[in-house]
């Protein structure tokens, strides 16, 4: 399977960077080829415009921005498809459970 690109968005990109590390560890353990990165919500559009993003996950603290993001991800995927979008499970986020959040991303990618 080709590399998957998972973008996490939060207010400043700081709190999610620890989660990115945990997700990268989980992906490595599971043999999943994934590029996982975090950025502030304000930079999301730039990444969607310039990269092939497979899934967008929002930190619970920016969950209120989901409707804005629904517009951003429309047609932003490969072949003009909508990019799957969801808010990270709050418990998984609070526990920094990289495995659980990676599983959430995978299920969104695989429909």
PDB file of N, CA and C in Angstrom:
ATOM      1  N   UNK A   1       0.839  -1.188   0.000  1.00  0.00           N
ATOM      2  CA  UNK A   1       0.000   0.000   0.000  1.00  0.00           C
ATOM      3  C   UNK A   1       0.885   1.252   0.000  1.00  0.00           C
ATOM      4  N   UNK A   2       0.475   2.244  -0.726  1.00  0.00           N
ATOM      5  CA  UNK A   2       1.243   3.488  -0.828  1.00  0.00           C
ATOM      6  C   UNK A   2       1.231   4.230   0.504  1.00  0.00           C
ATOM      7  N   UNK A   3       2.180   5.132   0.634  1.00  0.00           N
ATOM      8  CA  UNK A   3       2.245   5.933   1.850  1.00  0.00           C
ATOM      9  C   UNK A   3       0.960   6.731   2.033  1.00  0.00           C
ATOM     10  N   UNK A   4       0.499   6.774   3.263  1.00  0.00           N
ATOM     11  CA  UNK A   4      -0.679   7.564   3.600  1.00  0.00           C
ATOM     12  C   UNK A   4      -0.215   8.845   4.265  1.00  0.00           C
ATOM     13  N   UNK A   5      -0.916   9.927   3.990  1.00  0.00           N
ATOM     14  CA  UNK A   5      -0.581  11.196   4.622  1.00  0.00           C
ATOM     15  C   UNK A   5      -1.722  11.585   5.547  1.00  0.00           C
ATOM     16  N   UNK A   6      -1.377  11.692   6.823  1.00  0.00           N
ATOM     17  CA  UNK A   6      -2.359  12.003   7.860  1.00  0.00           C
ATOM     18  C   UNK A   6      -2.009  13.366   8.450  1.00  0.00           C
ATOM     19  N   UNK A   7      -2.938  14.293   8.341  1.00  0.00           N
ATOM     20  CA  UNK A   7      -2.707  15.639   8.873  1.00  0.00           C
ATOM     21  C   UNK A   7      -3.564  15.853  10.114  1.00  0.00           C
ATOM     22  N   UNK A   8      -2.901  16.247  11.209  1.00  0.00           N
ATOM     23  CA  UNK A   8      -3.592  16.594  12.445  1.00  0.00           C
ATOM     24  C   UNK A   8      -3.573  18.106  12.572  1.00  0.00           C
ATOM     25  N   UNK A   9      -4.691  18.668  12.983  1.00  0.00           N
ATOM     26  CA  UNK A   9      -4.759  20.115  13.161  1.00  0.00           C
ATOM     27  C   UNK A   9      -5.180  20.437  14.580  1.00  0.00           C
ATOM     28  N   UNK A  10      -4.536  21.447  15.132  1.00  0.00           N
ATOM     29  CA  UNK A  10      -4.938  21.938  16.447  1.00  0.00           C
ATOM     30  C   UNK A  10      -4.767  23.449  16.448  1.00  0.00           C
ATOM     31  N   UNK A  11      -4.864  24.048  17.616  1.00  0.00           N
ATOM     32  CA  UNK A  11      -4.798  25.504  17.689  1.00  0.00           C
ATOM     33  C   UNK A  11      -3.430  26.018  17.251  1.00  0.00           C
ATOM     34  N   UNK A  12      -2.362  25.451  17.813  1.00  0.00           N
ATOM     35  CA  UNK A  12      -1.024  25.949  17.488  1.00  0.00           C
ATOM     36  C   UNK A  12      -0.089  24.880  16.935  1.00  0.00           C
ATOM     37  N   UNK A  13      -0.502  23.629  16.948  1.00  0.00           N
ATOM     38  CA  UNK A  13       0.360  22.561  16.434  1.00  0.00           C
ATOM     39  C   UNK A  13       1.269  21.972  17.496  1.00  0.00           C
ATOM     40  N   UNK A  14       1.164  22.461  18.723  1.00  0.00           N
ATOM     41  CA  UNK A  14       2.066  21.999  19.774  1.00  0.00           C
ATOM     42  C   UNK A  14       1.557  20.724  20.437  1.00  0.00           C
ATOM     43  N   UNK A  15       0.347  20.751  20.952  1.00  0.00           N
ATOM     44  CA  UNK A  15      -0.157  19.605  21.712  1.00  0.00           C
ATOM     45  C   UNK A  15      -0.257  18.351  20.850  1.00  0.00           C
ATOM     46  N   UNK A  16      -0.539  18.528  19.572  1.00  0.00           N
ATOM     47  CA  UNK A  16      -0.683  17.353  18.722  1.00  0.00           C
ATOM     48  C   UNK A  16       0.664  16.770  18.303  1.00  0.00           C
ATOM     49  N   UNK A  17       1.765  17.516  18.472  1.00  0.00           N
ATOM     50  CA  UNK A  17       3.048  16.970  18.022  1.00  0.00           C
ATOM     51  C   UNK A  17       3.464  15.738  18.827  1.00  0.00           C
ATOM     52  N   UNK A  18       3.114  15.678  20.110  1.00  0.00           N
ATOM     53  CA  UNK A  18       3.386  14.482  20.908  1.00  0.00           C
ATOM     54  C   UNK A  18       2.545  13.315  20.389  1.00  0.00           C
ATOM     55  N   UNK A  19       1.302  13.605  20.052  1.00  0.00           N
ATOM     56  CA  UNK A  19       0.416  12.571  19.511  1.00  0.00           C
ATOM     57  C   UNK A  19       0.950  12.053  18.177  1.00  0.00           C
ATOM     58  N   UNK A  20       1.491  12.942  17.351  1.00  0.00           N
ATOM     59  CA  UNK A  20       2.093  12.529  16.074  1.00  0.00           C
ATOM     60  C   UNK A  20       3.189  11.500  16.325  1.00  0.00           C
ATOM     61  N   UNK A  21       4.062  11.766  17.301  1.00  0.00           N
ATOM     62  CA  UNK A  21       5.141  10.841  17.632  1.00  0.00           C
ATOM     63  C   UNK A  21       4.583   9.480  18.026  1.00  0.00           C
ATOM     64  N   UNK A  22       3.554   9.469  18.859  1.00  0.00           N
ATOM     65  CA  UNK A  22       2.927   8.216  19.304  1.00  0.00           C
ATOM     66  C   UNK A  22       2.293   7.478  18.120  1.00  0.00           C
ATOM     67  N   UNK A  23       1.663   8.232  17.205  1.00  0.00           N
ATOM     68  CA  UNK A  23       1.052   7.613  16.026  1.00  0.00           C
ATOM     69  C   UNK A  23       2.108   7.033  15.102  1.00  0.00           C
ATOM     70  N   UNK A  24       3.241   7.737  14.950  1.00  0.00           N
ATOM     71  CA  UNK A  24       4.328   7.244  14.104  1.00  0.00           C
ATOM     72  C   UNK A  24       4.878   5.934  14.661  1.00  0.00           C
ATOM     73  N   UNK A  25       5.011   5.855  15.991  1.00  0.00           N
ATOM     74  CA  UNK A  25       5.469   4.617  16.627  1.00  0.00           C
ATOM     75  C   UNK A  25       4.485   3.481  16.348  1.00  0.00           C
ATOM     76  N   UNK A  26       3.186   3.762  16.483  1.00  0.00           N
ATOM     77  CA  UNK A  26       2.149   2.759  16.248  1.00  0.00           C
ATOM     78  C   UNK A  26       2.157   2.306  14.787  1.00  0.00           C
ATOM     79  N   UNK A  27       2.324   3.253  13.861  1.00  0.00           N
ATOM     80  CA  UNK A  27       2.357   2.922  12.431  1.00  0.00           C
ATOM     81  C   UNK A  27       3.548   2.013  12.133  1.00  0.00           C
ATOM     82  N   UNK A  28       4.693   2.333  12.716  1.00  0.00           N
ATOM     83  CA  UNK A  28       5.903   1.540  12.503  1.00  0.00           C
ATOM     84  C   UNK A  28       5.701   0.113  13.010  1.00  0.00           C
ATOM     85  N   UNK A  29       5.134  -0.010  14.209  1.00  0.00           N
ATOM     86  CA  UNK A  29       4.842  -1.330  14.800  1.00  0.00           C
ATOM     87  C   UNK A  29       3.929  -2.148  13.896  1.00  0.00           C
ATOM     88  N   UNK A  30       2.967  -1.481  13.263  1.00  0.00           N
ATOM     89  CA  UNK A  30       1.968  -2.172  12.437  1.00  0.00           C
ATOM     90  C   UNK A  30       2.378  -2.290  10.969  1.00  0.00           C
ATOM     91  N   UNK A  31       3.561  -1.780  10.653  1.00  0.00           N
ATOM     92  CA  UNK A  31       4.027  -1.852   9.269  1.00  0.00           C
ATOM     93  C   UNK A  31       3.249  -0.956   8.321  1.00  0.00           C
ATOM     94  N   UNK A  32       2.706   0.132   8.842  1.00  0.00           N
ATOM     95  CA  UNK A  32       1.939   1.074   8.017  1.00  0.00           C
ATOM     96  C   UNK A  32       2.878   2.189   7.563  1.00  0.00           C
ATOM     97  N   UNK A  33       2.909   2.405   6.253  1.00  0.00           N
ATOM     98  CA  UNK A  33       3.750   3.459   5.678  1.00  0.00           C
ATOM     99  C   UNK A  33       2.939   4.755   5.709  1.00  0.00           C
ATOM    100  N   UNK A  34       3.257   5.614   6.669  1.00  0.00           N
ATOM    101  CA  UNK A  34       2.451   6.822   6.820  1.00  0.00           C
ATOM    102  C   UNK A  34       3.311   8.038   7.118  1.00  0.00           C
ATOM    103  N   UNK A  35       2.924   9.135   6.494  1.00  0.00           N
ATOM    104  CA  UNK A  35       3.513  10.436   6.824  1.00  0.00           C
ATOM    105  C   UNK A  35       2.468  11.102   7.709  1.00  0.00           C
ATOM    106  N   UNK A  36       2.835  11.338   8.959  1.00  0.00           N
ATOM    107  CA  UNK A  36       1.901  11.915   9.921  1.00  0.00           C
ATOM    108  C   UNK A  36       2.497  13.220  10.420  1.00  0.00           C
ATOM    109  N   UNK A  37       1.734  14.291  10.325  1.00  0.00           N
ATOM    110  CA  UNK A  37       2.249  15.569  10.794  1.00  0.00           C
ATOM    111  C   UNK A  37       1.131  16.406  11.393  1.00  0.00           C
ATOM    112  N   UNK A  38       1.534  17.377  12.213  1.00  0.00           N
ATOM    113  CA  UNK A  38       0.577  18.288  12.839  1.00  0.00           C
ATOM    114  C   UNK A  38       0.874  19.708  12.383  1.00  0.00           C
ATOM    115  N   UNK A  39      -0.172  20.491  12.259  1.00  0.00           N
ATOM    116  CA  UNK A  39       0.017  21.900  11.951  1.00  0.00           C
ATOM    117  C   UNK A  39      -1.134  22.685  12.555  1.00  0.00           C
ATOM    118  N   UNK A  40      -0.920  23.979  12.745  1.00  0.00           N
ATOM    119  CA  UNK A  40      -2.025  24.812  13.242  1.00  0.00           C
ATOM    120  C   UNK A  40      -3.158  24.839  12.211  1.00  0.00           C
ATOM    121  N   UNK A  41      -4.370  24.958  12.692  1.00  0.00           N
ATOM    122  CA  UNK A  41      -5.536  25.002  11.804  1.00  0.00           C
ATOM    123  C   UNK A  41      -5.378  26.085  10.739  1.00  0.00           C
ATOM    124  N   UNK A  42      -4.691  27.171  11.100  1.00  0.00           N
ATOM    125  CA  UNK A  42      -4.518  28.289  10.162  1.00  0.00           C
ATOM    126  C   UNK A  42      -3.660  27.915   8.944  1.00  0.00           C
ATOM    127  N   UNK A  43      -2.865  26.840   9.041  1.00  0.00           N
ATOM    128  CA  UNK A  43      -2.013  26.425   7.920  1.00  0.00           C
ATOM    129  C   UNK A  43      -2.586  25.250   7.121  1.00  0.00           C
ATOM    130  N   UNK A  44      -3.745  24.767   7.530  1.00  0.00           N
ATOM    131  CA  UNK A  44      -4.321  23.571   6.905  1.00  0.00           C
ATOM    132  C   UNK A  44      -4.544  23.734   5.403  1.00  0.00           C
ATOM    133  N   UNK A  45      -5.095  24.880   4.998  1.00  0.00           N
ATOM    134  CA  UNK A  45      -5.423  25.083   3.588  1.00  0.00           C
ATOM    135  C   UNK A  45      -4.198  24.967   2.704  1.00  0.00           C
ATOM    136  N   UNK A  46      -3.098  25.541   3.162  1.00  0.00           N
ATOM    137  CA  UNK A  46      -1.846  25.506   2.418  1.00  0.00           C
ATOM    138  C   UNK A  46      -1.391  24.050   2.181  1.00  0.00           C
ATOM    139  N   UNK A  47      -1.512  23.203   3.211  1.00  0.00           N
ATOM    140  CA  UNK A  47      -1.132  21.795   3.064  1.00  0.00           C
ATOM    141  C   UNK A  47      -2.093  21.059   2.129  1.00  0.00           C
ATOM    142  N   UNK A  48      -3.392  21.345   2.274  1.00  0.00           N
ATOM    143  CA  UNK A  48      -4.383  20.700   1.404  1.00  0.00           C
ATOM    144  C   UNK A  48      -4.162  21.081  -0.063  1.00  0.00           C
ATOM    145  N   UNK A  49      -3.738  22.317  -0.300  1.00  0.00           N
ATOM    146  CA  UNK A  49      -3.505  22.784  -1.666  1.00  0.00           C
ATOM    147  C   UNK A  49      -2.246  22.182  -2.288  1.00  0.00           C
ATOM    148  N   UNK A  50      -1.241  21.903  -1.449  1.00  0.00           N
ATOM    149  CA  UNK A  50       0.073  21.518  -1.976  1.00  0.00           C
ATOM    150  C   UNK A  50       0.486  20.071  -1.761  1.00  0.00           C
ATOM    151  N   UNK A  51      -0.316  19.302  -1.041  1.00  0.00           N
ATOM    152  CA  UNK A  51       0.063  17.918  -0.757  1.00  0.00           C
ATOM    153  C   UNK A  51      -1.132  16.997  -0.968  1.00  0.00           C
ATOM    154  N   UNK A  52      -0.846  15.714  -1.156  1.00  0.00           N
ATOM    155  CA  UNK A  52      -1.909  14.708  -1.216  1.00  0.00           C
ATOM    156  C   UNK A  52      -2.188  14.235   0.196  1.00  0.00           C
ATOM    157  N   UNK A  53      -3.186  14.820   0.822  1.00  0.00           N
ATOM    158  CA  UNK A  53      -3.563  14.455   2.186  1.00  0.00           C
ATOM    159  C   UNK A  53      -4.638  13.368   2.095  1.00  0.00           C
ATOM    160  N   UNK A  54      -4.450  12.278   2.845  1.00  0.00           N
ATOM    161  CA  UNK A  54      -5.423  11.182   2.815  1.00  0.00           C
ATOM    162  C   UNK A  54      -6.510  11.314   3.872  1.00  0.00           C
ATOM    163  N   UNK A  55      -6.192  11.981   4.973  1.00  0.00           N
ATOM    164  CA  UNK A  55      -7.188  12.162   6.037  1.00  0.00           C
ATOM    165  C   UNK A  55      -6.783  13.355   6.899  1.00  0.00           C
ATOM    166  N   UNK A  56      -7.798  14.081   7.382  1.00  0.00           N
ATOM    167  CA  UNK A  56      -7.571  15.225   8.264  1.00  0.00           C
ATOM    168  C   UNK A  56      -8.254  14.929   9.595  1.00  0.00           C
ATOM    169  N   UNK A  57      -7.485  15.047  10.671  1.00  0.00           N
ATOM    170  CA  UNK A  57      -8.035  14.873  12.015  1.00  0.00           C
ATOM    171  C   UNK A  57      -7.868  16.183  12.784  1.00  0.00           C
ATOM    172  N   UNK A  58      -8.941  16.591  13.448  1.00  0.00           N
ATOM    173  CA  UNK A  58      -8.912  17.815  14.232  1.00  0.00           C
ATOM    174  C   UNK A  58      -8.763  17.489  15.710  1.00  0.00           C
ATOM    175  N   UNK A  59      -7.891  18.223  16.388  1.00  0.00           N
ATOM    176  CA  UNK A  59      -7.785  18.074  17.837  1.00  0.00           C
ATOM    177  C   UNK A  59      -9.108  18.485  18.460  1.00  0.00           C
ATOM    178  N   UNK A  60      -9.482  17.849  19.587  1.00  0.00           N
ATOM    179  CA  UNK A  60     -10.771  18.174  20.221  1.00  0.00           C
ATOM    180  C   UNK A  60     -10.940  19.666  20.502  1.00  0.00           C
ATOM    181  N   UNK A  61      -9.824  20.362  20.769  1.00  0.00           N
ATOM    182  CA  UNK A  61      -9.919  21.791  21.091  1.00  0.00           C
ATOM    183  C   UNK A  61     -10.299  22.647  19.882  1.00  0.00           C
ATOM    184  N   UNK A  62     -10.177  22.109  18.680  1.00  0.00           N
ATOM    185  CA  UNK A  62     -10.624  22.847  17.492  1.00  0.00           C
ATOM    186  C   UNK A  62     -11.779  22.126  16.792  1.00  0.00           C
ATOM    187  N   UNK A  63     -12.410  21.214  17.520  1.00  0.00           N
ATOM    188  CA  UNK A  63     -13.550  20.470  16.973  1.00  0.00           C
ATOM    189  C   UNK A  63     -14.664  21.378  16.471  1.00  0.00           C
ATOM    190  N   UNK A  64     -14.772  22.564  17.101  1.00  0.00           N
ATOM    191  CA  UNK A  64     -15.801  23.535  16.694  1.00  0.00           C
ATOM    192  C   UNK A  64     -15.570  24.039  15.265  1.00  0.00           C
ATOM    193  N   UNK A  65     -14.370  23.814  14.710  1.00  0.00           N
ATOM    194  CA  UNK A  65     -14.044  24.270  13.352  1.00  0.00           C
ATOM    195  C   UNK A  65     -14.397  23.228  12.288  1.00  0.00           C
ATOM    196  N   UNK A  66     -15.028  22.137  12.697  1.00  0.00           N
ATOM    197  CA  UNK A  66     -15.276  21.037  11.751  1.00  0.00           C
ATOM    198  C   UNK A  66     -16.028  21.503  10.499  1.00  0.00           C
ATOM    199  N   UNK A  67     -17.032  22.353  10.671  1.00  0.00           N
ATOM    200  CA  UNK A  67     -17.793  22.780   9.489  1.00  0.00           C
ATOM    201  C   UNK A  67     -16.934  23.606   8.535  1.00  0.00           C
ATOM    202  N   UNK A  68     -16.035  24.438   9.070  1.00  0.00           N
ATOM    203  CA  UNK A  68     -15.091  25.177   8.215  1.00  0.00           C
ATOM    204  C   UNK A  68     -14.219  24.198   7.448  1.00  0.00           C
ATOM    205  N   UNK A  69     -13.757  23.181   8.144  1.00  0.00           N
ATOM    206  CA  UNK A  69     -12.879  22.192   7.523  1.00  0.00           C
ATOM    207  C   UNK A  69     -13.613  21.362   6.476  1.00  0.00           C
ATOM    208  N   UNK A  70     -14.905  21.122   6.686  1.00  0.00           N
ATOM    209  CA  UNK A  70     -15.674  20.358   5.695  1.00  0.00           C
ATOM    210  C   UNK A  70     -15.608  21.050   4.337  1.00  0.00           C
ATOM    211  N   UNK A  71     -15.617  22.387   4.342  1.00  0.00           N
ATOM    212  CA  UNK A  71     -15.485  23.135   3.087  1.00  0.00           C
ATOM    213  C   UNK A  71     -14.072  23.017   2.521  1.00  0.00           C
ATOM    214  N   UNK A  72     -13.068  23.056   3.407  1.00  0.00           N
ATOM    215  CA  UNK A  72     -11.669  22.975   2.953  1.00  0.00           C
ATOM    216  C   UNK A  72     -11.340  21.636   2.299  1.00  0.00           C
ATOM    217  N   UNK A  73     -11.896  20.550   2.836  1.00  0.00           N
ATOM    218  CA  UNK A  73     -11.531  19.211   2.346  1.00  0.00           C
ATOM    219  C   UNK A  73     -12.337  18.781   1.121  1.00  0.00           C
ATOM    220  N   UNK A  74     -13.382  19.531   0.796  1.00  0.00           N
ATOM    221  CA  UNK A  74     -14.201  19.199  -0.388  1.00  0.00           C
ATOM    222  C   UNK A  74     -13.343  19.260  -1.645  1.00  0.00           C
ATOM    223  N   UNK A  75     -13.213  18.139  -2.320  1.00  0.00           N
ATOM    224  CA  UNK A  75     -12.474  18.101  -3.573  1.00  0.00           C
ATOM    225  C   UNK A  75     -10.968  18.291  -3.436  1.00  0.00           C
ATOM    226  N   UNK A  76     -10.456  18.282  -2.197  1.00  0.00           N
ATOM    227  CA  UNK A  76      -9.029  18.539  -1.982  1.00  0.00           C
ATOM    228  C   UNK A  76      -8.174  17.274  -2.059  1.00  0.00           C
ATOM    229  N   UNK A  77      -8.815  16.122  -2.197  1.00  0.00           N
ATOM    230  CA  UNK A  77      -8.073  14.864  -2.217  1.00  0.00           C
ATOM    231  C   UNK A  77      -7.625  14.462  -3.604  1.00  0.00           C
ATOM    232  N   UNK A  78      -6.992  13.277  -3.668  1.00  0.00           N
ATOM    233  CA  UNK A  78      -6.525  12.734  -4.943  1.00  0.00           C
ATOM    234  C   UNK A  78      -7.699  12.598  -5.907  1.00  0.00           C
ATOM    235  N   UNK A  79      -7.498  13.032  -7.119  1.00  0.00           N
ATOM    236  CA  UNK A  79      -8.548  12.918  -8.129  1.00  0.00           C
ATOM    237  C   UNK A  79      -9.778  13.755  -7.819  1.00  0.00           C
ATOM    238  N   UNK A  80      -9.600  14.812  -7.032  1.00  0.00           N
ATOM    239  CA  UNK A  80     -10.722  15.698  -6.726  1.00  0.00           C
ATOM    240  C   UNK A  80     -11.711  15.152  -5.711  1.00  0.00           C
ATOM    241  N   UNK A  81     -11.330  14.067  -5.045  1.00  0.00           N
ATOM    242  CA  UNK A  81     -12.217  13.490  -4.028  1.00  0.00           C
ATOM    243  C   UNK A  81     -12.164  14.330  -2.756  1.00  0.00           C
ATOM    244  N   UNK A  82     -13.225  14.198  -1.943  1.00  0.00           N
ATOM    245  CA  UNK A  82     -13.219  14.849  -0.634  1.00  0.00           C
ATOM    246  C   UNK A  82     -12.255  14.097   0.281  1.00  0.00           C
ATOM    247  N   UNK A  83     -11.530  14.833   1.095  1.00  0.00           N
ATOM    248  CA  UNK A  83     -10.619  14.219   2.061  1.00  0.00           C
ATOM    249  C   UNK A  83     -11.431  13.876   3.314  1.00  0.00           C
ATOM    250  N   UNK A  84     -11.343  12.615   3.810  1.00  0.00           N
ATOM    251  CA  UNK A  84     -12.071  12.264   5.032  1.00  0.00           C
ATOM    252  C   UNK A  84     -11.627  13.157   6.205  1.00  0.00           C
ATOM    253  N   UNK A  85     -12.582  13.502   7.043  1.00  0.00           N
ATOM    254  CA  UNK A  85     -12.347  14.447   8.133  1.00  0.00           C
ATOM    255  C   UNK A  85     -13.086  13.988   9.376  1.00  0.00           C
ATOM    256  N   UNK A  86     -12.448  14.128  10.538  1.00  0.00           N
ATOM    257  CA  UNK A  86     -13.133  13.850  11.792  1.00  0.00           C
ATOM    258  C   UNK A  86     -12.405  14.557  12.926  1.00  0.00           C
ATOM    259  N   UNK A  87     -13.081  14.636  14.067  1.00  0.00           N
ATOM    260  CA  UNK A  87     -12.466  15.173  15.275  1.00  0.00           C
ATOM    261  C   UNK A  87     -11.875  13.972  16.022  1.00  0.00           C
ATOM    262  N   UNK A  88     -10.658  14.126  16.516  1.00  0.00           N
ATOM    263  CA  UNK A  88     -10.002  13.045  17.250  1.00  0.00           C
ATOM    264  C   UNK A  88     -10.812  12.718  18.503  1.00  0.00           C
ATOM    265  N   UNK A  89     -11.001  11.426  18.742  1.00  0.00           N
ATOM    266  CA  UNK A  89     -11.679  10.943  19.932  1.00  0.00           C
ATOM    267  C   UNK A  89     -11.045  11.597  21.165  1.00  0.00           C
ATOM    268  N   UNK A  90     -11.872  12.247  21.990  1.00  0.00           N
ATOM    269  CA  UNK A  90     -11.333  13.026  23.100  1.00  0.00           C
ATOM    270  C   UNK A  90     -10.558  12.185  24.110  1.00  0.00           C
ATOM    271  N   UNK A  91     -11.053  10.987  24.414  1.00  0.00           N
ATOM    272  CA  UNK A  91     -10.334  10.127  25.366  1.00  0.00           C
ATOM    273  C   UNK A  91      -8.985   9.703  24.793  1.00  0.00           C
ATOM    274  N   UNK A  92      -8.977   9.313  23.535  1.00  0.00           N
ATOM    275  CA  UNK A  92      -7.725   8.885  22.894  1.00  0.00           C
ATOM    276  C   UNK A  92      -6.738  10.048  22.864  1.00  0.00           C
ATOM    277  N   UNK A  93      -7.253  11.245  22.628  1.00  0.00           N
ATOM    278  CA  UNK A  93      -6.402  12.434  22.592  1.00  0.00           C
ATOM    279  C   UNK A  93      -5.827  12.705  23.977  1.00  0.00           C
ATOM    280  N   UNK A  94      -6.696  12.680  24.980  1.00  0.00           N
ATOM    281  CA  UNK A  94      -6.275  12.947  26.351  1.00  0.00           C
ATOM    282  C   UNK A  94      -5.225  11.958  26.843  1.00  0.00           C
ATOM    283  N   UNK A  95      -5.357  10.703  26.400  1.00  0.00           N
ATOM    284  CA  UNK A  95      -4.414   9.653  26.803  1.00  0.00           C
ATOM    285  C   UNK A  95      -3.200   9.617  25.873  1.00  0.00           C
ATOM    286  N   UNK A  96      -3.215  10.460  24.821  1.00  0.00           N
ATOM    287  CA  UNK A  96      -2.160  10.435  23.795  1.00  0.00           C
ATOM    288  C   UNK A  96      -1.996   9.004  23.264  1.00  0.00           C
ATOM    289  N   UNK A  97      -3.140   8.372  22.972  1.00  0.00           N
ATOM    290  CA  UNK A  97      -3.167   6.989  22.497  1.00  0.00           C
ATOM    291  C   UNK A  97      -2.971   6.955  20.977  1.00  0.00           C
ATOM    292  N   UNK A  98      -1.704   6.884  20.571  1.00  0.00           N
ATOM    293  CA  UNK A  98      -1.363   6.905  19.155  1.00  0.00           C
ATOM    294  C   UNK A  98      -2.000   5.780  18.363  1.00  0.00           C
ATOM    295  N   UNK A  99      -2.085   4.587  18.978  1.00  0.00           N
ATOM    296  CA  UNK A  99      -2.684   3.422  18.300  1.00  0.00           C
ATOM    297  C   UNK A  99      -4.145   3.677  17.972  1.00  0.00           C
ATOM    298  N   UNK A 100      -4.871   4.203  18.952  1.00  0.00           N
ATOM    299  CA  UNK A 100      -6.302   4.435  18.783  1.00  0.00           C
ATOM    300  C   UNK A 100      -6.563   5.514  17.726  1.00  0.00           C
ATOM    301  N   UNK A 101      -5.773   6.588  17.760  1.00  0.00           N
ATOM    302  CA  UNK A 101      -5.976   7.678  16.806  1.00  0.00           C
ATOM    303  C   UNK A 101      -5.559   7.224  15.407  1.00  0.00           C
ATOM    304  N   UNK A 102      -4.508   6.416  15.320  1.00  0.00           N
ATOM    305  CA  UNK A 102      -4.099   5.859  14.025  1.00  0.00           C
ATOM    306  C   UNK A 102      -5.214   4.971  13.473  1.00  0.00           C
ATOM    307  N   UNK A 103      -5.818   4.166  14.346  1.00  0.00           N
ATOM    308  CA  UNK A 103      -6.933   3.300  13.915  1.00  0.00           C
ATOM    309  C   UNK A 103      -8.100   4.144  13.417  1.00  0.00           C
ATOM    310  N   UNK A 104      -8.358   5.272  14.077  1.00  0.00           N
ATOM    311  CA  UNK A 104      -9.425   6.181  13.647  1.00  0.00           C
ATOM    312  C   UNK A 104      -9.111   6.714  12.240  1.00  0.00           C
ATOM    313  N   UNK A 105      -7.859   7.118  12.025  1.00  0.00           N
ATOM    314  CA  UNK A 105      -7.445   7.636  10.718  1.00  0.00           C
ATOM    315  C   UNK A 105      -7.577   6.563   9.647  1.00  0.00           C
ATOM    316  N   UNK A 106      -7.113   5.342   9.968  1.00  0.00           N
ATOM    317  CA  UNK A 106      -7.168   4.231   9.018  1.00  0.00           C
ATOM    318  C   UNK A 106      -8.614   3.920   8.614  1.00  0.00           C
ATOM    319  N   UNK A 107      -9.520   3.913   9.596  1.00  0.00           N
ATOM    320  CA  UNK A 107     -10.903   3.572   9.262  1.00  0.00           C
ATOM    321  C   UNK A 107     -11.528   4.650   8.388  1.00  0.00           C
ATOM    322  N   UNK A 108     -11.125   5.912   8.569  1.00  0.00           N
ATOM    323  CA  UNK A 108     -11.626   6.984   7.710  1.00  0.00           C
ATOM    324  C   UNK A 108     -11.069   6.840   6.284  1.00  0.00           C
ATOM    325  N   UNK A 109      -9.786   6.502   6.177  1.00  0.00           N
ATOM    326  CA  UNK A 109      -9.156   6.341   4.866  1.00  0.00           C
ATOM    327  C   UNK A 109      -9.797   5.176   4.111  1.00  0.00           C
ATOM    328  N   UNK A 110     -10.060   4.091   4.838  1.00  0.00           N
ATOM    329  CA  UNK A 110     -10.588   2.889   4.193  1.00  0.00           C
ATOM    330  C   UNK A 110     -12.112   2.898   4.076  1.00  0.00           C
ATOM    331  N   UNK A 111     -12.719   4.005   4.475  1.00  0.00           N
ATOM    332  CA  UNK A 111     -14.170   4.153   4.324  1.00  0.00           C
ATOM    333  C   UNK A 111     -14.933   3.277   5.291  1.00  0.00           C
TER     334      UNK A 111
END
